[in-house]
Amino acid sequence: MLETLGTLNLKIARLEHRLAILKQQERMSNAYPTRKAELVREYLQLQTELGRLTEDRQRLVH
């Protein structure tokens, strides 16, 4: 599926926003190790997805 630069930028912005929220939730979940682990796992998965989308955007621009 071919994505436009605008679509990629929107997806990247949404992921960055979600990552910021997860980081904040992670800081507040110190008393709940199981929940903190879930948040860290989701954060790492989203970082991987963000990296992939950023690479896709770079390929589209150049």
N, C-alpha and C. Protein backbone atom coordinates (compact mmCIF):
# COMPACT_ATOMS: atom_id res chain seq x y z
N MET A 1 0.84 -1.17 0.00
CA MET A 1 0.00 0.00 0.00
C MET A 1 0.89 1.24 0.00
N LEU A 2 0.65 2.11 -0.92
CA LEU A 2 1.42 3.34 -1.03
C LEU A 2 0.80 4.41 -0.14
N GLU A 3 1.64 4.99 0.71
CA GLU A 3 1.16 6.04 1.61
C GLU A 3 1.75 7.37 1.18
N THR A 4 0.97 8.41 1.37
CA THR A 4 1.44 9.75 1.03
C THR A 4 2.26 10.30 2.19
N LEU A 5 3.01 11.35 1.90
CA LEU A 5 3.81 12.01 2.93
C LEU A 5 2.92 12.53 4.05
N GLY A 6 1.78 13.07 3.70
CA GLY A 6 0.85 13.58 4.71
C GLY A 6 0.33 12.49 5.63
N THR A 7 0.02 11.34 5.05
CA THR A 7 -0.46 10.21 5.85
C THR A 7 0.62 9.74 6.81
N LEU A 8 1.84 9.63 6.31
CA LEU A 8 2.95 9.21 7.17
C LEU A 8 3.20 10.22 8.28
N ASN A 9 3.16 11.50 7.95
CA ASN A 9 3.36 12.53 8.97
C ASN A 9 2.28 12.46 10.05
N LEU A 10 1.05 12.21 9.64
CA LEU A 10 -0.05 12.09 10.61
C LEU A 10 0.15 10.88 11.52
N LYS A 11 0.52 9.75 10.94
CA LYS A 11 0.75 8.54 11.73
C LYS A 11 1.92 8.74 12.70
N ILE A 12 2.96 9.40 12.24
CA ILE A 12 4.12 9.67 13.09
C ILE A 12 3.73 10.59 14.25
N ALA A 13 2.97 11.62 13.96
CA ALA A 13 2.53 12.55 15.01
C ALA A 13 1.67 11.84 16.04
N ARG A 14 0.78 10.97 15.59
CA ARG A 14 -0.07 10.22 16.52
C ARG A 14 0.77 9.29 17.40
N LEU A 15 1.74 8.62 16.79
CA LEU A 15 2.61 7.73 17.56
C LEU A 15 3.43 8.51 18.58
N GLU A 16 3.97 9.65 18.18
CA GLU A 16 4.75 10.47 19.11
C GLU A 16 3.90 10.92 20.29
N HIS A 17 2.65 11.27 20.02
CA HIS A 17 1.74 11.68 21.08
C HIS A 17 1.45 10.51 22.02
N ARG A 18 1.19 9.35 21.45
CA ARG A 18 0.92 8.15 22.25
C ARG A 18 2.14 7.77 23.09
N LEU A 19 3.33 7.89 22.51
CA LEU A 19 4.55 7.58 23.25
C LEU A 19 4.72 8.52 24.45
N ALA A 20 4.41 9.78 24.27
CA ALA A 20 4.51 10.74 25.38
C ALA A 20 3.54 10.38 26.50
N ILE A 21 2.33 9.98 26.14
CA ILE A 21 1.34 9.58 27.14
C ILE A 21 1.81 8.32 27.87
N LEU A 22 2.31 7.35 27.12
CA LEU A 22 2.79 6.11 27.74
C LEU A 22 3.94 6.38 28.70
N LYS A 23 4.84 7.26 28.33
CA LYS A 23 5.97 7.59 29.19
C LYS A 23 5.47 8.19 30.50
N GLN A 24 4.49 9.05 30.41
CA GLN A 24 3.92 9.67 31.60
C GLN A 24 3.22 8.61 32.47
N GLN A 25 2.46 7.72 31.85
CA GLN A 25 1.79 6.65 32.59
C GLN A 25 2.80 5.72 33.25
N GLU A 26 3.89 5.46 32.54
CA GLU A 26 4.93 4.59 33.09
C GLU A 26 5.51 5.20 34.37
N ARG A 27 5.78 6.48 34.35
CA ARG A 27 6.32 7.15 35.54
C ARG A 27 5.36 7.07 36.72
N MET A 28 4.07 7.09 36.44
CA MET A 28 3.08 7.07 37.52
C MET A 28 2.75 5.66 38.00
N SER A 29 3.28 4.64 37.34
CA SER A 29 2.89 3.27 37.67
C SER A 29 3.97 2.52 38.45
N ASN A 30 4.87 3.22 39.09
CA ASN A 30 5.96 2.57 39.83
C ASN A 30 5.46 1.60 40.90
N ALA A 31 4.32 1.89 41.49
CA ALA A 31 3.78 1.02 42.54
C ALA A 31 3.12 -0.24 41.98
N TYR A 32 2.98 -0.32 40.66
CA TYR A 32 2.31 -1.44 40.02
C TYR A 32 3.22 -2.06 38.96
N PRO A 33 4.12 -2.95 39.37
CA PRO A 33 5.14 -3.48 38.45
C PRO A 33 4.57 -4.20 37.22
N THR A 34 3.47 -4.90 37.38
CA THR A 34 2.88 -5.60 36.23
C THR A 34 2.39 -4.60 35.19
N ARG A 35 1.69 -3.59 35.65
CA ARG A 35 1.19 -2.55 34.74
C ARG A 35 2.35 -1.80 34.10
N LYS A 36 3.37 -1.51 34.90
CA LYS A 36 4.53 -0.80 34.36
C LYS A 36 5.18 -1.62 33.25
N ALA A 37 5.29 -2.93 33.44
CA ALA A 37 5.88 -3.80 32.42
C ALA A 37 5.05 -3.78 31.13
N GLU A 38 3.73 -3.78 31.27
CA GLU A 38 2.86 -3.70 30.09
C GLU A 38 3.08 -2.39 29.34
N LEU A 39 3.18 -1.31 30.09
CA LEU A 39 3.39 0.00 29.47
C LEU A 39 4.74 0.07 28.76
N VAL A 40 5.77 -0.48 29.39
CA VAL A 40 7.10 -0.49 28.78
C VAL A 40 7.08 -1.31 27.49
N ARG A 41 6.41 -2.46 27.53
CA ARG A 41 6.33 -3.30 26.33
C ARG A 41 5.63 -2.55 25.19
N GLU A 42 4.50 -1.92 25.51
CA GLU A 42 3.78 -1.16 24.48
C GLU A 42 4.63 0.00 23.96
N TYR A 43 5.34 0.68 24.86
CA TYR A 43 6.20 1.79 24.48
C TYR A 43 7.27 1.33 23.49
N LEU A 44 7.89 0.20 23.79
CA LEU A 44 8.95 -0.31 22.90
C LEU A 44 8.38 -0.73 21.55
N GLN A 45 7.19 -1.32 21.55
CA GLN A 45 6.56 -1.69 20.28
C GLN A 45 6.25 -0.46 19.44
N LEU A 46 5.76 0.57 20.09
CA LEU A 46 5.43 1.80 19.35
C LEU A 46 6.69 2.51 18.86
N GLN A 47 7.76 2.44 19.63
CA GLN A 47 9.03 3.02 19.17
C GLN A 47 9.52 2.32 17.91
N THR A 48 9.37 1.01 17.88
CA THR A 48 9.75 0.24 16.69
C THR A 48 8.91 0.67 15.49
N GLU A 49 7.61 0.79 15.70
CA GLU A 49 6.72 1.23 14.63
C GLU A 49 7.07 2.65 14.18
N LEU A 50 7.38 3.52 15.12
CA LEU A 50 7.77 4.89 14.79
C LEU A 50 9.03 4.89 13.93
N GLY A 51 9.99 4.06 14.27
CA GLY A 51 11.21 3.96 13.47
C GLY A 51 10.93 3.51 12.05
N ARG A 52 10.02 2.54 11.91
CA ARG A 52 9.66 2.05 10.58
C ARG A 52 8.99 3.15 9.76
N LEU A 53 8.06 3.85 10.38
CA LEU A 53 7.36 4.92 9.66
C LEU A 53 8.31 6.06 9.30
N THR A 54 9.23 6.37 10.18
CA THR A 54 10.21 7.42 9.90
C THR A 54 11.09 7.03 8.72
N GLU A 55 11.50 5.77 8.67
CA GLU A 55 12.28 5.28 7.53
C GLU A 55 11.47 5.36 6.25
N ASP A 56 10.19 4.98 6.31
CA ASP A 56 9.32 5.06 5.13
C ASP A 56 9.21 6.50 4.65
N ARG A 57 9.08 7.43 5.58
CA ARG A 57 8.97 8.85 5.22
C ARG A 57 10.27 9.33 4.56
N GLN A 58 11.41 8.92 5.12
CA GLN A 58 12.70 9.32 4.54
C GLN A 58 12.84 8.81 3.11
N ARG A 59 12.42 7.57 2.88
CA ARG A 59 12.49 7.01 1.52
C ARG A 59 11.58 7.78 0.57
N LEU A 60 10.43 8.19 1.06
CA LEU A 60 9.48 8.91 0.22
C LEU A 60 9.99 10.31 -0.14
N VAL A 61 10.68 10.95 0.81
CA VAL A 61 11.18 12.31 0.60
C VAL A 61 12.37 12.31 -0.35
N HIS A 62 13.23 11.30 -0.25
CA HIS A 62 14.45 11.29 -1.08
C HIS A 62 14.30 10.47 -2.30
